[in-house]
Amino acid sequence: MAAARVAAQDGGPSFTQRALSAMNESSPVGLIPAGERASGWTGWFADAWEGSKRIFRDGHSDLLLPAYTYHPPYKYPNRFDENHYPWGVGFARTVIDAKDNERLVYLLGFSDSHYDFQPMLGYGWIARWPLFAGLKGGLGYTVFLTARADANYLPFPAALPLASIGTDRVTLYASWIPSTEVLFFFARISLDGARSSGGGTGGVAPFPAAGARNGRPYANLVYGAAAWVNTDASGIDSVASGNAWAPVVGYRHFVSERAAFDVSVSRSSHTLDLNGARLGTFDLMPVTVAAQYHFPSYAGLRMYAGAGIAYNRAAQQDLPGYALSSSSISPVLQAGATYPVTDALILNAGLNVNFARHQLTEGDTTLGTVKPSAVSFSLGLGYAF
């Protein structure tokens, strides 16, 4: 009997085989029924692509918001020179599978530790367990393709662990980056209800089109807002800049129920310091053009994510002996929400992240590139028609 038991164990799959099988099931391939999977390595990639397409097709839409980057003091003695707030935005399609595990494909852009733009395109899997009061904890991983300014924006793949806590609607994630020993936190917000891999959908049905209070659609929105423009200049040692209020005006046109183009302009006045001495003041005046995705409404509230470009002017410079290059073009990331106050009056709140760059010169000497790292938090009203 003992010999038969040993023989049975010898004939079963090894630990490595079981681990590889479990990893395979957690990949997008896990959404493909076993009988429909292709054979060989090329078949695996074809199944992974098909599984990713099913997540995008059957999943619900989510807004991703980077939240915080923790630089441990033992690794970063100059940690206060690093960017702790990776302002940005992302879009995800998420499926909750039959085991209540979470699978998502996503596109994320944010301001990295050096205030440079970093994009990510990836897949994530989280195994979840119920905790209390509807909260669920999870552990999993993400694999993604990214590019960084300090690597000359050459794309490279990476894989990182993920931990999560939250609900189907709102979840906070944390990831540890071994190469830099940094902790990265971001949130996922979904207001259109959870959807399983079986295709069922729940939650509150979205309002028609742009979501006016009585359901009346609108194609255009003209708005004005007040914005707090936070700058944290970097790029040159000991350079610093101040924060300021700014007026914002814009126009948004919906080309479909979910997609819109947005044009806006603002102007704010900032101080500029170098080596602890005040150089003077200058105005930031970006003109931004962005494409936006508007998520389904939930009780009238409608979130959006956007990306585009900005033409930036460094105007009204009062920097005796110094000068900033007058213009630059930069990527821009947006996130925000709208809420209908009346049929035509729309409350609009937004986050705008601008990666503007300006050369700082002293006479004929170029001192380097100043990154204002302007992040605008705006609140205003618009007229819909």
Protein backbone atom coordinates (compact mmCIF):
# COMPACT_ATOMS: atom_id res chain seq x y z
CA MET A 1 0.00 0.00 0.00
CA ALA A 2 2.83 2.39 0.88
CA ALA A 3 4.52 1.53 -2.42
CA ALA A 4 1.30 2.30 -4.32
CA ARG A 5 1.03 5.67 -2.55
CA VAL A 6 4.62 6.56 -3.51
CA ALA A 7 3.96 5.51 -7.11
CA ALA A 8 0.85 7.71 -7.22
CA GLN A 9 2.84 10.66 -5.91
CA ASP A 10 5.57 10.04 -8.46
CA GLY A 11 3.00 9.97 -11.25
CA GLY A 12 1.34 13.28 -10.22
CA PRO A 13 2.41 16.77 -11.29
CA SER A 14 5.40 18.25 -9.52
CA PHE A 15 5.27 21.43 -7.42
CA THR A 16 6.86 23.36 -10.28
CA GLN A 17 4.26 22.07 -12.71
CA ARG A 18 1.42 23.00 -10.35
CA ALA A 19 2.92 26.47 -9.80
CA LEU A 20 3.28 27.07 -13.54
CA SER A 21 -0.27 25.84 -14.11
CA ALA A 22 -1.60 28.21 -11.43
CA MET A 23 0.34 31.10 -12.94
CA ASN A 24 -1.05 30.27 -16.36
CA GLU A 25 -4.61 30.28 -15.00
CA SER A 26 -4.04 33.72 -13.46
CA SER A 27 -2.95 35.11 -16.82
CA PRO A 28 -5.47 36.23 -19.48
CA VAL A 29 -5.31 32.65 -20.79
CA GLY A 30 -7.35 31.65 -17.71
CA LEU A 31 -10.44 33.20 -19.31
CA ILE A 32 -10.23 30.80 -22.25
CA PRO A 33 -11.95 27.41 -21.62
CA ALA A 34 -9.41 24.59 -21.54
CA GLY A 35 -10.95 22.89 -24.56
CA GLU A 36 -10.59 26.03 -26.67
CA ARG A 37 -6.94 26.75 -26.00
CA ALA A 38 -4.31 26.51 -28.71
CA SER A 39 -1.17 24.42 -28.32
CA GLY A 40 2.46 25.51 -28.18
CA TRP A 41 4.09 28.82 -27.32
CA THR A 42 2.57 30.66 -30.25
CA GLY A 43 -0.81 29.30 -29.18
CA TRP A 44 -0.23 30.60 -25.63
CA PHE A 45 0.37 34.14 -26.88
CA ALA A 46 -2.70 33.92 -29.11
CA ASP A 47 -4.80 32.79 -26.12
CA ALA A 48 -3.34 35.57 -23.93
CA TRP A 49 -4.30 38.11 -26.57
CA GLU A 50 -7.78 36.67 -26.85
CA GLY A 51 -8.22 36.68 -23.06
CA SER A 52 -7.12 40.32 -22.90
CA LYS A 53 -9.62 41.22 -25.61
CA ARG A 54 -12.38 39.51 -23.62
CA ILE A 55 -11.50 41.56 -20.54
CA PHE A 56 -11.64 44.75 -22.59
CA ARG A 57 -14.89 43.72 -24.27
CA ASP A 58 -16.76 42.31 -21.26
CA GLY A 59 -15.26 44.32 -18.39
CA HIS A 60 -16.51 47.51 -16.79
CA SER A 61 -14.73 50.85 -17.22
CA ASP A 62 -12.67 52.22 -14.35
CA LEU A 63 -10.80 55.42 -13.57
CA LEU A 64 -7.27 54.89 -12.21
CA LEU A 65 -5.72 57.58 -10.00
CA PRO A 66 -2.08 57.42 -8.84
CA ALA A 67 -2.01 58.42 -5.18
CA TYR A 68 1.39 58.34 -3.46
CA THR A 69 5.00 57.21 -3.90
CA TYR A 70 6.93 56.30 -0.74
CA HIS A 71 10.71 56.67 -0.92
CA PRO A 72 12.26 54.95 2.13
CA PRO A 73 14.70 57.21 4.04
CA TYR A 74 17.42 54.52 4.26
CA LYS A 75 17.51 54.40 0.45
CA TYR A 76 16.88 58.08 -0.32
CA PRO A 77 18.73 60.52 1.99
CA ASN A 78 17.51 63.24 -0.41
CA ARG A 79 13.97 61.83 -0.42
CA PHE A 80 12.38 65.26 -0.08
CA ASP A 81 13.80 66.15 -3.50
CA GLU A 82 11.87 63.25 -5.01
CA ASN A 83 8.28 63.47 -6.24
CA HIS A 84 5.98 61.88 -3.66
CA TYR A 85 2.73 62.66 -5.48
CA PRO A 86 2.63 60.90 -8.88
CA TRP A 87 -0.25 62.97 -10.25
CA GLY A 88 -1.75 61.38 -13.33
CA VAL A 89 -4.65 59.30 -14.59
CA GLY A 90 -5.43 55.94 -16.10
CA PHE A 91 -8.17 53.89 -17.72
CA ALA A 92 -8.92 50.23 -17.01
CA ARG A 93 -11.34 47.54 -18.06
CA THR A 94 -11.97 45.12 -15.20
CA VAL A 95 -13.58 41.69 -14.96
CA ILE A 96 -14.43 39.83 -11.73
CA ASP A 97 -14.14 36.13 -12.63
CA ALA A 98 -16.07 33.15 -11.28
CA LYS A 99 -13.66 32.82 -8.31
CA ASP A 100 -14.14 36.50 -7.38
CA ASN A 101 -10.63 37.22 -8.59
CA GLU A 102 -9.99 40.54 -10.31
CA ARG A 103 -8.50 40.81 -13.79
CA LEU A 104 -7.84 44.12 -15.50
CA VAL A 105 -6.15 45.58 -18.55
CA TYR A 106 -5.11 49.18 -18.14
CA LEU A 107 -3.33 52.24 -19.49
CA LEU A 108 -1.81 54.56 -16.90
CA GLY A 109 0.23 57.77 -17.12
CA PHE A 110 1.73 59.73 -14.23
CA SER A 111 4.54 61.97 -13.00
CA ASP A 112 7.43 59.74 -11.87
CA SER A 113 9.87 60.31 -9.01
CA HIS A 114 11.81 62.83 -11.12
CA TYR A 115 8.72 64.75 -12.29
CA ASP A 116 8.90 63.16 -15.74
CA PHE A 117 6.03 61.62 -17.67
CA GLN A 118 5.82 57.81 -17.42
CA PRO A 119 3.26 55.67 -19.30
CA MET A 120 2.29 52.07 -18.49
CA LEU A 121 0.25 49.56 -20.49
CA GLY A 122 -0.44 46.32 -18.66
CA TYR A 123 -2.44 43.47 -17.19
CA GLY A 124 -3.18 42.80 -13.53
CA TRP A 125 -4.54 39.83 -11.58
CA ILE A 126 -5.65 39.90 -7.93
CA ALA A 127 -6.86 36.99 -5.82
CA ARG A 128 -9.34 38.44 -3.30
CA TRP A 129 -10.65 37.35 0.10
CA PRO A 130 -13.55 38.87 2.11
CA LEU A 131 -12.46 40.83 5.18
CA PHE A 132 -15.30 42.73 6.88
CA ALA A 133 -18.09 45.20 6.10
CA GLY A 134 -17.92 44.42 2.39
CA LEU A 135 -14.17 45.03 2.15
CA LYS A 136 -11.95 42.57 0.33
CA GLY A 137 -8.20 42.12 0.55
CA GLY A 138 -6.14 40.83 -2.32
CA LEU A 139 -2.71 39.73 -3.49
CA GLY A 140 -1.54 39.35 -7.06
CA TYR A 141 0.72 40.82 -9.70
CA THR A 142 0.89 43.04 -12.74
CA VAL A 143 2.90 42.73 -15.95
CA PHE A 144 3.30 45.81 -18.10
CA LEU A 145 5.22 47.69 -20.74
CA THR A 146 6.59 51.08 -19.70
CA ALA A 147 9.07 53.78 -20.70
CA ARG A 148 10.98 56.32 -18.60
CA ALA A 149 12.83 59.55 -19.26
CA ASP A 150 15.95 58.25 -17.44
CA ALA A 151 16.00 55.30 -19.89
CA ASN A 152 15.61 57.56 -22.95
CA TYR A 153 11.98 56.41 -23.25
CA LEU A 154 12.99 53.04 -24.65
CA PRO A 155 10.05 50.68 -23.92
CA PHE A 156 10.77 47.76 -21.59
CA PRO A 157 8.65 45.07 -19.90
CA ALA A 158 8.38 44.60 -16.14
CA ALA A 159 6.43 42.63 -13.54
CA LEU A 160 5.55 43.77 -10.01
CA PRO A 161 3.60 42.38 -7.03
CA LEU A 162 0.25 43.91 -6.11
CA ALA A 163 -1.72 44.11 -2.87
CA SER A 164 -5.20 45.58 -2.62
CA ILE A 165 -8.00 46.49 -0.24
CA GLY A 166 -11.43 47.75 -1.23
CA THR A 167 -14.71 46.85 -2.87
CA ASP A 168 -15.82 46.17 -6.43
CA ARG A 169 -16.38 49.91 -6.86
CA VAL A 170 -13.35 51.46 -5.11
CA THR A 171 -10.03 49.73 -4.49
CA LEU A 172 -6.64 50.93 -3.25
CA TYR A 173 -3.55 49.12 -4.59
CA ALA A 174 0.06 49.04 -3.46
CA SER A 175 3.07 47.79 -5.39
CA TRP A 176 6.68 47.37 -4.32
CA ILE A 177 9.39 48.13 -6.89
CA PRO A 178 12.43 46.01 -5.93
CA SER A 179 14.94 47.84 -8.15
CA THR A 180 14.31 51.16 -6.38
CA GLU A 181 12.69 49.89 -3.13
CA VAL A 182 9.83 52.34 -3.68
CA LEU A 183 6.20 51.74 -2.71
CA PHE A 184 3.67 52.95 -5.28
CA PHE A 185 0.00 53.44 -4.39
CA PHE A 186 -2.91 54.00 -6.77
CA ALA A 187 -6.70 53.74 -6.71
CA ARG A 188 -9.33 52.28 -9.00
CA ILE A 189 -12.80 53.87 -9.07
CA SER A 190 -15.74 52.29 -10.89
CA LEU A 191 -19.22 53.80 -10.91
CA ASP A 192 -20.91 51.70 -13.59
CA GLY A 193 -21.32 48.57 -11.48
CA ALA A 194 -19.41 45.30 -11.26
CA ARG A 195 -19.47 42.90 -14.17
CA SER A 196 -18.57 39.25 -14.09
CA SER A 197 -16.84 37.25 -16.81
CA GLY A 198 -20.25 35.85 -17.63
CA GLY A 199 -21.26 39.24 -19.00
CA GLY A 200 -23.89 40.28 -16.41
CA THR A 201 -23.83 43.87 -15.27
CA GLY A 202 -25.09 45.55 -12.14
CA GLY A 203 -25.20 48.99 -10.59
CA VAL A 204 -27.10 52.09 -11.64
CA ALA A 205 -27.87 52.47 -15.33
CA PRO A 206 -25.96 55.34 -16.96
CA PHE A 207 -27.70 58.57 -17.89
CA PRO A 208 -28.10 59.20 -21.63
CA ALA A 209 -25.34 61.04 -23.49
CA ALA A 210 -23.62 63.71 -21.42
CA GLY A 211 -25.95 63.22 -18.48
CA ALA A 212 -27.99 66.35 -17.87
CA ARG A 213 -30.27 66.18 -14.86
CA ASN A 214 -33.40 65.16 -16.77
CA GLY A 215 -31.48 62.96 -19.20
CA ARG A 216 -31.41 65.63 -21.91
CA PRO A 217 -28.22 65.08 -23.92
CA TYR A 218 -25.86 67.91 -24.77
CA ALA A 219 -23.00 68.03 -27.25
CA ASN A 220 -21.20 71.18 -26.11
CA LEU A 221 -20.03 72.63 -22.82
CA VAL A 222 -18.54 76.10 -22.34
CA TYR A 223 -17.07 76.52 -18.87
CA GLY A 224 -15.09 78.76 -16.57
CA ALA A 225 -13.30 77.81 -13.38
CA ALA A 226 -10.88 78.88 -10.68
CA ALA A 227 -7.79 76.70 -10.36
CA TRP A 228 -5.09 76.29 -7.73
CA VAL A 229 -1.86 75.73 -9.68
CA ASN A 230 0.69 73.82 -7.61
CA THR A 231 4.26 73.95 -8.96
CA ASP A 232 7.25 72.05 -7.59
CA ALA A 233 10.05 73.11 -9.91
CA SER A 234 12.91 70.68 -10.43
CA GLY A 235 15.56 69.88 -13.04
CA ILE A 236 18.20 72.24 -11.63
CA ASP A 237 19.66 71.88 -8.13
CA SER A 238 18.06 74.27 -5.63
CA VAL A 239 15.49 75.63 -8.08
CA ALA A 240 12.02 76.25 -6.64
CA SER A 241 8.77 77.90 -7.68
CA GLY A 242 5.63 79.12 -5.98
CA ASN A 243 1.94 78.27 -6.23
CA ALA A 244 -0.86 80.53 -7.45
CA TRP A 245 -4.52 80.88 -8.36
CA ALA A 246 -5.52 80.94 -12.01
CA PRO A 247 -8.64 81.59 -14.07
CA VAL A 248 -9.53 78.82 -16.54
CA VAL A 249 -11.85 78.96 -19.55
CA GLY A 250 -12.61 76.08 -21.86
CA TYR A 251 -14.82 74.45 -24.44
CA ARG A 252 -15.74 70.75 -24.58
CA HIS A 253 -17.38 69.01 -27.53
CA PHE A 254 -18.82 65.49 -27.31
CA VAL A 255 -18.33 63.47 -30.48
CA SER A 256 -20.20 60.53 -28.91
CA GLU A 257 -21.80 59.61 -25.60
CA ARG A 258 -18.39 58.80 -24.05
CA ALA A 259 -15.76 60.66 -26.14
CA ALA A 260 -15.07 64.39 -26.10
CA PHE A 261 -12.46 66.92 -27.17
CA ASP A 262 -11.56 69.67 -24.73
CA VAL A 263 -9.73 72.97 -25.31
CA SER A 264 -8.78 75.19 -22.37
CA VAL A 265 -6.49 78.05 -21.43
CA SER A 266 -5.34 79.40 -18.07
CA ARG A 267 -2.87 81.93 -16.70
CA SER A 268 -1.09 81.98 -13.34
CA SER A 269 1.79 84.01 -11.87
CA HIS A 270 4.64 82.24 -10.03
CA THR A 271 7.83 83.06 -8.20
CA LEU A 272 11.15 81.47 -9.17
CA ASP A 273 14.00 80.87 -6.72
CA LEU A 274 17.53 79.54 -7.23
CA ASN A 275 19.96 78.62 -4.44
CA GLY A 276 17.59 80.16 -1.92
CA ALA A 277 17.51 83.56 -3.66
CA ARG A 278 14.45 85.02 -5.34
CA LEU A 279 15.07 85.50 -9.07
CA GLY A 280 11.69 87.09 -9.71
CA THR A 281 8.33 86.13 -11.18
CA PHE A 282 6.86 84.74 -14.39
CA ASP A 283 3.45 83.75 -15.73
CA LEU A 284 2.50 80.26 -16.92
CA MET A 285 -0.03 80.30 -19.76
CA PRO A 286 -0.83 76.83 -21.17
CA VAL A 287 -3.26 76.26 -24.04
CA THR A 288 -4.38 72.62 -23.77
CA VAL A 289 -6.04 70.32 -26.28
CA ALA A 290 -7.10 66.92 -24.94
CA ALA A 291 -9.17 63.88 -25.84
CA GLN A 292 -11.39 62.68 -22.99
CA TYR A 293 -13.26 59.50 -22.09
CA HIS A 294 -16.38 60.10 -19.96
CA PHE A 295 -17.50 57.22 -17.77
CA PRO A 296 -21.18 56.32 -17.27
CA SER A 297 -23.05 58.54 -14.82
CA TYR A 298 -23.82 57.45 -11.28
CA ALA A 299 -26.59 59.48 -9.58
CA GLY A 300 -25.69 62.35 -11.92
CA LEU A 301 -21.96 62.26 -11.15
CA ARG A 302 -19.79 61.53 -14.16
CA MET A 303 -16.02 61.01 -14.10
CA TYR A 304 -13.66 61.45 -16.99
CA ALA A 305 -10.05 60.79 -17.96
CA GLY A 306 -8.12 62.63 -20.64
CA ALA A 307 -4.76 63.07 -22.33
CA GLY A 308 -3.43 65.60 -24.78
CA ILE A 309 -0.82 68.26 -25.42
CA ALA A 310 -0.25 71.81 -24.21
CA TYR A 311 1.43 74.79 -25.79
CA ASN A 312 3.03 76.60 -22.84
CA ARG A 313 4.06 80.24 -22.66
CA ALA A 314 6.36 81.62 -19.97
CA ALA A 315 5.08 85.20 -20.15
CA GLN A 316 5.46 88.44 -18.17
CA GLN A 317 8.94 87.44 -17.06
CA ASP A 318 10.43 89.68 -14.37
CA LEU A 319 13.70 87.82 -13.76
CA PRO A 320 16.52 90.41 -13.80
CA GLY A 321 19.62 88.85 -15.34
CA TYR A 322 17.80 85.56 -16.04
CA ALA A 323 15.29 84.29 -18.59
CA LEU A 324 13.13 81.25 -19.25
CA SER A 325 12.64 80.00 -22.79
CA SER A 326 9.39 81.56 -23.88
CA SER A 327 7.52 78.45 -25.08
CA SER A 328 7.38 74.67 -24.97
CA ILE A 329 5.08 71.82 -25.96
CA SER A 330 4.36 69.09 -23.44
CA PRO A 331 2.07 66.11 -22.71
CA VAL A 332 -0.92 66.69 -20.43
CA LEU A 333 -2.99 64.28 -18.33
CA GLN A 334 -6.49 65.03 -17.04
CA ALA A 335 -9.00 63.60 -14.61
CA GLY A 336 -12.23 65.05 -13.31
CA ALA A 337 -15.96 64.85 -12.81
CA THR A 338 -19.10 66.73 -13.79
CA TYR A 339 -22.45 67.08 -12.07
CA PRO A 340 -25.62 68.70 -13.49
CA VAL A 341 -26.93 71.49 -11.26
CA THR A 342 -29.76 72.22 -13.73
CA ASP A 343 -30.53 71.05 -17.25
CA ALA A 344 -27.99 73.51 -18.64
CA LEU A 345 -25.73 74.41 -15.69
CA ILE A 346 -22.95 71.87 -15.11
CA LEU A 347 -20.55 71.75 -12.16
CA ASN A 348 -17.08 70.79 -13.38
CA ALA A 349 -14.09 69.75 -11.24
CA GLY A 350 -10.78 68.78 -12.75
CA LEU A 351 -7.17 67.74 -12.26
CA ASN A 352 -4.70 68.80 -14.97
CA VAL A 353 -1.06 67.59 -14.96
CA ASN A 354 1.31 69.49 -17.26
CA PHE A 355 4.88 68.35 -18.02
CA ALA A 356 6.12 71.71 -19.34
CA ARG A 357 9.87 72.30 -19.71
CA HIS A 358 11.68 75.67 -20.03
CA GLN A 359 15.39 76.41 -20.38
CA LEU A 360 16.78 78.80 -17.74
CA THR A 361 19.59 81.11 -18.88
CA GLU A 362 21.76 83.64 -17.09
CA GLY A 363 22.97 86.04 -19.74
CA ASP A 364 24.43 83.83 -22.48
CA THR A 365 24.87 80.83 -20.15
CA THR A 366 22.29 78.03 -20.10
CA LEU A 367 21.87 76.78 -16.53
CA GLY A 368 19.59 73.86 -17.38
CA THR A 369 15.99 72.83 -17.80
CA VAL A 370 13.36 73.94 -15.31
CA LYS A 371 10.43 71.56 -14.85
CA PRO A 372 7.60 73.60 -13.30
CA SER A 373 5.61 70.36 -12.80
CA ALA A 374 2.37 72.32 -12.75
CA VAL A 375 -0.66 70.49 -11.35
CA SER A 376 -3.96 72.39 -11.53
CA PHE A 377 -6.98 71.64 -9.32
CA SER A 378 -10.01 73.45 -10.75
CA LEU A 379 -13.66 73.93 -9.85
CA GLY A 380 -16.15 75.86 -11.96
CA LEU A 381 -19.45 76.01 -13.79
CA GLY A 382 -20.32 75.42 -17.42
CA TYR A 383 -23.21 76.03 -19.77
CA ALA A 384 -24.35 72.96 -21.71
CA PHE A 385 -26.09 73.11 -25.07
